């Protein structure tokens, strides 16, 4: 696996499906992950479930 230490990843559609899986993989690789969703509540829920600490994830309500 590769390292994403000291990197920030912005995952659009990260609250479910493929986006959520990608967000989790980036976290495991060491990145800080911004998880976006059209509904902020969904992004917050995903961030809580996959993040190991609040500083690892940032939920954002965003309609791209």
PDB file of N, CA and C in Angstrom:
ATOM      1  N   UNK A   1       0.845  -1.176   0.000  1.00  0.00           N
ATOM      2  CA  UNK A   1       0.000   0.000   0.000  1.00  0.00           C
ATOM      3  C   UNK A   1       0.894   1.244   0.000  1.00  0.00           C
ATOM      4  N   UNK A   2       0.370   2.327  -0.463  1.00  0.00           N
ATOM      5  CA  UNK A   2       1.100   3.584  -0.501  1.00  0.00           C
ATOM      6  C   UNK A   2       0.708   4.455   0.690  1.00  0.00           C
ATOM      7  N   UNK A   3       1.499   5.477   0.947  1.00  0.00           N
ATOM      8  CA  UNK A   3       1.243   6.356   2.082  1.00  0.00           C
ATOM      9  C   UNK A   3       0.718   7.712   1.605  1.00  0.00           C
ATOM     10  N   UNK A   4      -0.292   8.190   2.294  1.00  0.00           N
ATOM     11  CA  UNK A   4      -0.826   9.524   2.037  1.00  0.00           C
ATOM     12  C   UNK A   4      -0.666  10.412   3.269  1.00  0.00           C
ATOM     13  N   UNK A   5       0.321  10.093   4.106  1.00  0.00           N
ATOM     14  CA  UNK A   5       0.585  10.901   5.298  1.00  0.00           C
ATOM     15  C   UNK A   5       0.799  12.352   4.890  1.00  0.00           C
ATOM     16  N   UNK A   6       0.257  13.268   5.716  1.00  0.00           N
ATOM     17  CA  UNK A   6       0.387  14.704   5.501  1.00  0.00           C
ATOM     18  C   UNK A   6      -0.299  15.166   4.210  1.00  0.00           C
ATOM     19  N   UNK A   7      -1.277  14.404   3.738  1.00  0.00           N
ATOM     20  CA  UNK A   7      -2.054  14.781   2.547  1.00  0.00           C
ATOM     21  C   UNK A   7      -3.513  14.950   2.942  1.00  0.00           C
ATOM     22  N   UNK A   8      -4.231  15.741   2.167  1.00  0.00           N
ATOM     23  CA  UNK A   8      -5.664  15.925   2.371  1.00  0.00           C
ATOM     24  C   UNK A   8      -6.379  15.465   1.114  1.00  0.00           C
ATOM     25  N   UNK A   9      -7.419  14.654   1.283  1.00  0.00           N
ATOM     26  CA  UNK A   9      -8.204  14.156   0.148  1.00  0.00           C
ATOM     27  C   UNK A   9      -9.627  14.697   0.256  1.00  0.00           C
ATOM     28  N   UNK A  10     -10.153  15.187  -0.856  1.00  0.00           N
ATOM     29  CA  UNK A  10     -11.535  15.642  -0.934  1.00  0.00           C
ATOM     30  C   UNK A  10     -12.311  14.589  -1.714  1.00  0.00           C
ATOM     31  N   UNK A  11     -13.230  13.902  -1.041  1.00  0.00           N
ATOM     32  CA  UNK A  11     -14.007  12.831  -1.657  1.00  0.00           C
ATOM     33  C   UNK A  11     -15.436  13.317  -1.862  1.00  0.00           C
ATOM     34  N   UNK A  12     -15.821  13.535  -3.110  1.00  0.00           N
ATOM     35  CA  UNK A  12     -17.193  13.933  -3.391  1.00  0.00           C
ATOM     36  C   UNK A  12     -18.059  12.683  -3.406  1.00  0.00           C
ATOM     37  N   UNK A  13     -19.248  12.795  -2.832  1.00  0.00           N
ATOM     38  CA  UNK A  13     -20.124  11.626  -2.736  1.00  0.00           C
ATOM     39  C   UNK A  13     -19.559  10.585  -1.783  1.00  0.00           C
ATOM     40  N   UNK A  14     -18.885  11.036  -0.739  1.00  0.00           N
ATOM     41  CA  UNK A  14     -18.203  10.125   0.169  1.00  0.00           C
ATOM     42  C   UNK A  14     -19.057   9.542   1.277  1.00  0.00           C
ATOM     43  N   UNK A  15     -20.343   9.820   1.283  1.00  0.00           N
ATOM     44  CA  UNK A  15     -21.175   9.333   2.383  1.00  0.00           C
ATOM     45  C   UNK A  15     -21.703   7.918   2.163  1.00  0.00           C
ATOM     46  N   UNK A  16     -21.590   7.407   0.933  1.00  0.00           N
ATOM     47  CA  UNK A  16     -22.088   6.045   0.686  1.00  0.00           C
ATOM     48  C   UNK A  16     -21.443   5.466  -0.572  1.00  0.00           C
ATOM     49  N   UNK A  17     -21.641   4.185  -0.761  1.00  0.00           N
ATOM     50  CA  UNK A  17     -21.202   3.504  -1.971  1.00  0.00           C
ATOM     51  C   UNK A  17     -19.711   3.558  -2.209  1.00  0.00           C
ATOM     52  N   UNK A  18     -19.353   3.724  -3.481  1.00  0.00           N
ATOM     53  CA  UNK A  18     -17.945   3.746  -3.882  1.00  0.00           C
ATOM     54  C   UNK A  18     -17.198   4.892  -3.205  1.00  0.00           C
ATOM     55  N   UNK A  19     -17.823   6.054  -3.112  1.00  0.00           N
ATOM     56  CA  UNK A  19     -17.173   7.202  -2.474  1.00  0.00           C
ATOM     57  C   UNK A  19     -16.802   6.931  -1.031  1.00  0.00           C
ATOM     58  N   UNK A  20     -17.684   6.263  -0.310  1.00  0.00           N
ATOM     59  CA  UNK A  20     -17.412   5.929   1.094  1.00  0.00           C
ATOM     60  C   UNK A  20     -16.257   4.930   1.198  1.00  0.00           C
ATOM     61  N   UNK A  21     -16.223   3.965   0.300  1.00  0.00           N
ATOM     62  CA  UNK A  21     -15.140   2.983   0.279  1.00  0.00           C
ATOM     63  C   UNK A  21     -13.808   3.669  -0.021  1.00  0.00           C
ATOM     64  N   UNK A  22     -13.816   4.603  -0.957  1.00  0.00           N
ATOM     65  CA  UNK A  22     -12.603   5.346  -1.288  1.00  0.00           C
ATOM     66  C   UNK A  22     -12.154   6.196  -0.096  1.00  0.00           C
ATOM     67  N   UNK A  23     -13.099   6.860   0.557  1.00  0.00           N
ATOM     68  CA  UNK A  23     -12.763   7.671   1.732  1.00  0.00           C
ATOM     69  C   UNK A  23     -12.109   6.806   2.804  1.00  0.00           C
ATOM     70  N   UNK A  24     -12.653   5.634   3.038  1.00  0.00           N
ATOM     71  CA  UNK A  24     -12.092   4.723   4.039  1.00  0.00           C
ATOM     72  C   UNK A  24     -10.674   4.293   3.645  1.00  0.00           C
ATOM     73  N   UNK A  25     -10.458   3.974   2.376  1.00  0.00           N
ATOM     74  CA  UNK A  25      -9.127   3.563   1.901  1.00  0.00           C
ATOM     75  C   UNK A  25      -8.114   4.698   2.060  1.00  0.00           C
ATOM     76  N   UNK A  26      -8.519   5.920   1.765  1.00  0.00           N
ATOM     77  CA  UNK A  26      -7.615   7.062   1.921  1.00  0.00           C
ATOM     78  C   UNK A  26      -7.263   7.273   3.392  1.00  0.00           C
ATOM     79  N   UNK A  27      -8.245   7.094   4.280  1.00  0.00           N
ATOM     80  CA  UNK A  27      -7.966   7.197   5.710  1.00  0.00           C
ATOM     81  C   UNK A  27      -6.956   6.148   6.143  1.00  0.00           C
ATOM     82  N   UNK A  28      -7.136   4.920   5.667  1.00  0.00           N
ATOM     83  CA  UNK A  28      -6.208   3.846   6.014  1.00  0.00           C
ATOM     84  C   UNK A  28      -4.796   4.129   5.497  1.00  0.00           C
ATOM     85  N   UNK A  29      -4.704   4.873   4.404  1.00  0.00           N
ATOM     86  CA  UNK A  29      -3.395   5.226   3.838  1.00  0.00           C
ATOM     87  C   UNK A  29      -2.783   6.441   4.533  1.00  0.00           C
ATOM     88  N   UNK A  30      -3.511   7.040   5.493  1.00  0.00           N
ATOM     89  CA  UNK A  30      -2.954   8.120   6.288  1.00  0.00           C
ATOM     90  C   UNK A  30      -3.418   9.519   5.964  1.00  0.00           C
ATOM     91  N   UNK A  31      -4.310   9.680   5.004  1.00  0.00           N
ATOM     92  CA  UNK A  31      -4.771  11.016   4.619  1.00  0.00           C
ATOM     93  C   UNK A  31      -5.810  11.547   5.604  1.00  0.00           C
ATOM     94  N   UNK A  32      -5.912  12.860   5.657  1.00  0.00           N
ATOM     95  CA  UNK A  32      -7.052  13.513   6.290  1.00  0.00           C
ATOM     96  C   UNK A  32      -8.092  13.627   5.184  1.00  0.00           C
ATOM     97  N   UNK A  33      -9.326  13.216   5.458  1.00  0.00           N
ATOM     98  CA  UNK A  33     -10.320  13.106   4.398  1.00  0.00           C
ATOM     99  C   UNK A  33     -11.491  14.054   4.634  1.00  0.00           C
ATOM    100  N   UNK A  34     -11.793  14.855   3.627  1.00  0.00           N
ATOM    101  CA  UNK A  34     -12.998  15.678   3.613  1.00  0.00           C
ATOM    102  C   UNK A  34     -14.059  14.897   2.847  1.00  0.00           C
ATOM    103  N   UNK A  35     -15.127  14.539   3.552  1.00  0.00           N
ATOM    104  CA  UNK A  35     -16.206  13.745   2.962  1.00  0.00           C
ATOM    105  C   UNK A  35     -17.350  14.677   2.625  1.00  0.00           C
ATOM    106  N   UNK A  36     -17.722  14.737   1.348  1.00  0.00           N
ATOM    107  CA  UNK A  36     -18.821  15.610   0.949  1.00  0.00           C
ATOM    108  C   UNK A  36     -20.048  14.789   0.561  1.00  0.00           C
ATOM    109  N   UNK A  37     -21.185  15.413   0.796  1.00  0.00           N
ATOM    110  CA  UNK A  37     -22.476  14.824   0.431  1.00  0.00           C
ATOM    111  C   UNK A  37     -23.451  15.977   0.237  1.00  0.00           C
ATOM    112  N   UNK A  38     -24.479  15.753  -0.551  1.00  0.00           N
ATOM    113  CA  UNK A  38     -25.485  16.795  -0.727  1.00  0.00           C
ATOM    114  C   UNK A  38     -26.188  17.098   0.587  1.00  0.00           C
ATOM    115  N   UNK A  39     -26.237  16.113   1.467  1.00  0.00           N
ATOM    116  CA  UNK A  39     -26.884  16.270   2.769  1.00  0.00           C
ATOM    117  C   UNK A  39     -25.826  16.184   3.865  1.00  0.00           C
ATOM    118  N   UNK A  40     -25.650  17.265   4.596  1.00  0.00           N
ATOM    119  CA  UNK A  40     -24.612  17.331   5.623  1.00  0.00           C
ATOM    120  C   UNK A  40     -24.753  16.208   6.642  1.00  0.00           C
ATOM    121  N   UNK A  41     -25.979  15.867   7.022  1.00  0.00           N
ATOM    122  CA  UNK A  41     -26.181  14.797   8.004  1.00  0.00           C
ATOM    123  C   UNK A  41     -25.575  13.480   7.544  1.00  0.00           C
ATOM    124  N   UNK A  42     -25.683  13.166   6.252  1.00  0.00           N
ATOM    125  CA  UNK A  42     -25.093  11.933   5.719  1.00  0.00           C
ATOM    126  C   UNK A  42     -23.574  11.976   5.782  1.00  0.00           C
ATOM    127  N   UNK A  43     -22.996  13.133   5.491  1.00  0.00           N
ATOM    128  CA  UNK A  43     -21.537  13.282   5.543  1.00  0.00           C
ATOM    129  C   UNK A  43     -21.039  13.152   6.982  1.00  0.00           C
ATOM    130  N   UNK A  44     -21.766  13.730   7.927  1.00  0.00           N
ATOM    131  CA  UNK A  44     -21.395  13.644   9.342  1.00  0.00           C
ATOM    132  C   UNK A  44     -21.438  12.191   9.808  1.00  0.00           C
ATOM    133  N   UNK A  45     -22.491  11.478   9.440  1.00  0.00           N
ATOM    134  CA  UNK A  45     -22.630  10.071   9.828  1.00  0.00           C
ATOM    135  C   UNK A  45     -21.486   9.225   9.266  1.00  0.00           C
ATOM    136  N   UNK A  46     -21.175   9.424   7.998  1.00  0.00           N
ATOM    137  CA  UNK A  46     -20.081   8.668   7.366  1.00  0.00           C
ATOM    138  C   UNK A  46     -18.748   8.984   8.032  1.00  0.00           C
ATOM    139  N   UNK A  47     -18.505  10.253   8.321  1.00  0.00           N
ATOM    140  CA  UNK A  47     -17.252  10.660   8.960  1.00  0.00           C
ATOM    141  C   UNK A  47     -17.104  10.007  10.330  1.00  0.00           C
ATOM    142  N   UNK A  48     -18.184   9.948  11.093  1.00  0.00           N
ATOM    143  CA  UNK A  48     -18.136   9.328  12.415  1.00  0.00           C
ATOM    144  C   UNK A  48     -17.874   7.834  12.318  1.00  0.00           C
ATOM    145  N   UNK A  49     -18.462   7.186  11.334  1.00  0.00           N
ATOM    146  CA  UNK A  49     -18.346   5.736  11.212  1.00  0.00           C
ATOM    147  C   UNK A  49     -16.979   5.289  10.700  1.00  0.00           C
ATOM    148  N   UNK A  50     -16.379   6.033   9.777  1.00  0.00           N
ATOM    149  CA  UNK A  50     -15.120   5.556   9.202  1.00  0.00           C
ATOM    150  C   UNK A  50     -13.895   6.233   9.786  1.00  0.00           C
ATOM    151  N   UNK A  51     -14.051   7.382  10.438  1.00  0.00           N
ATOM    152  CA  UNK A  51     -12.904   8.101  10.992  1.00  0.00           C
ATOM    153  C   UNK A  51     -12.456   7.521  12.315  1.00  0.00           C
ATOM    154  N   UNK A  52     -11.151   7.479  12.522  1.00  0.00           N
ATOM    155  CA  UNK A  52     -10.623   6.986  13.785  1.00  0.00           C
ATOM    156  C   UNK A  52     -10.570   8.105  14.832  1.00  0.00           C
ATOM    157  N   UNK A  53     -10.602   9.352  14.367  1.00  0.00           N
ATOM    158  CA  UNK A  53     -10.628  10.510  15.259  1.00  0.00           C
ATOM    159  C   UNK A  53     -11.276  11.662  14.504  1.00  0.00           C
ATOM    160  N   UNK A  54     -11.822  12.612  15.234  1.00  0.00           N
ATOM    161  CA  UNK A  54     -12.472  13.748  14.581  1.00  0.00           C
ATOM    162  C   UNK A  54     -11.514  14.527  13.698  1.00  0.00           C
ATOM    163  N   UNK A  55     -10.240  14.504  14.024  1.00  0.00           N
ATOM    164  CA  UNK A  55      -9.268  15.255  13.231  1.00  0.00           C
ATOM    165  C   UNK A  55      -8.937  14.568  11.907  1.00  0.00           C
ATOM    166  N   UNK A  56      -9.365  13.307  11.739  1.00  0.00           N
ATOM    167  CA  UNK A  56      -9.084  12.558  10.510  1.00  0.00           C
ATOM    168  C   UNK A  56     -10.083  12.831   9.397  1.00  0.00           C
ATOM    169  N   UNK A  57     -11.276  13.287   9.752  1.00  0.00           N
ATOM    170  CA  UNK A  57     -12.329  13.483   8.752  1.00  0.00           C
ATOM    171  C   UNK A  57     -12.984  14.853   8.918  1.00  0.00           C
ATOM    172  N   UNK A  58     -13.467  15.375   7.819  1.00  0.00           N
ATOM    173  CA  UNK A  58     -14.182  16.637   7.821  1.00  0.00           C
ATOM    174  C   UNK A  58     -15.426  16.480   6.968  1.00  0.00           C
ATOM    175  N   UNK A  59     -16.606  16.417   7.571  1.00  0.00           N
ATOM    176  CA  UNK A  59     -17.829  16.309   6.790  1.00  0.00           C
ATOM    177  C   UNK A  59     -18.239  17.670   6.223  1.00  0.00           C
ATOM    178  N   UNK A  60     -18.654  17.671   4.960  1.00  0.00           N
ATOM    179  CA  UNK A  60     -19.053  18.904   4.279  1.00  0.00           C
ATOM    180  C   UNK A  60     -20.329  18.650   3.491  1.00  0.00           C
ATOM    181  N   UNK A  61     -21.321  19.515   3.660  1.00  0.00           N
ATOM    182  CA  UNK A  61     -22.517  19.474   2.839  1.00  0.00           C
ATOM    183  C   UNK A  61     -22.234  20.219   1.546  1.00  0.00           C
ATOM    184  N   UNK A  62     -22.300  19.523   0.403  1.00  0.00           N
ATOM    185  CA  UNK A  62     -21.898  20.133  -0.867  1.00  0.00           C
ATOM    186  C   UNK A  62     -22.616  19.470  -2.022  1.00  0.00           C
ATOM    187  N   UNK A  63     -23.199  20.269  -2.884  1.00  0.00           N
ATOM    188  CA  UNK A  63     -23.833  19.761  -4.111  1.00  0.00           C
ATOM    189  C   UNK A  63     -22.961  20.213  -5.282  1.00  0.00           C
ATOM    190  N   UNK A  64     -22.228  19.280  -5.873  1.00  0.00           N
ATOM    191  CA  UNK A  64     -21.286  19.608  -6.935  1.00  0.00           C
ATOM    192  C   UNK A  64     -22.028  19.821  -8.243  1.00  0.00           C
TER     193      UNK A  64
END
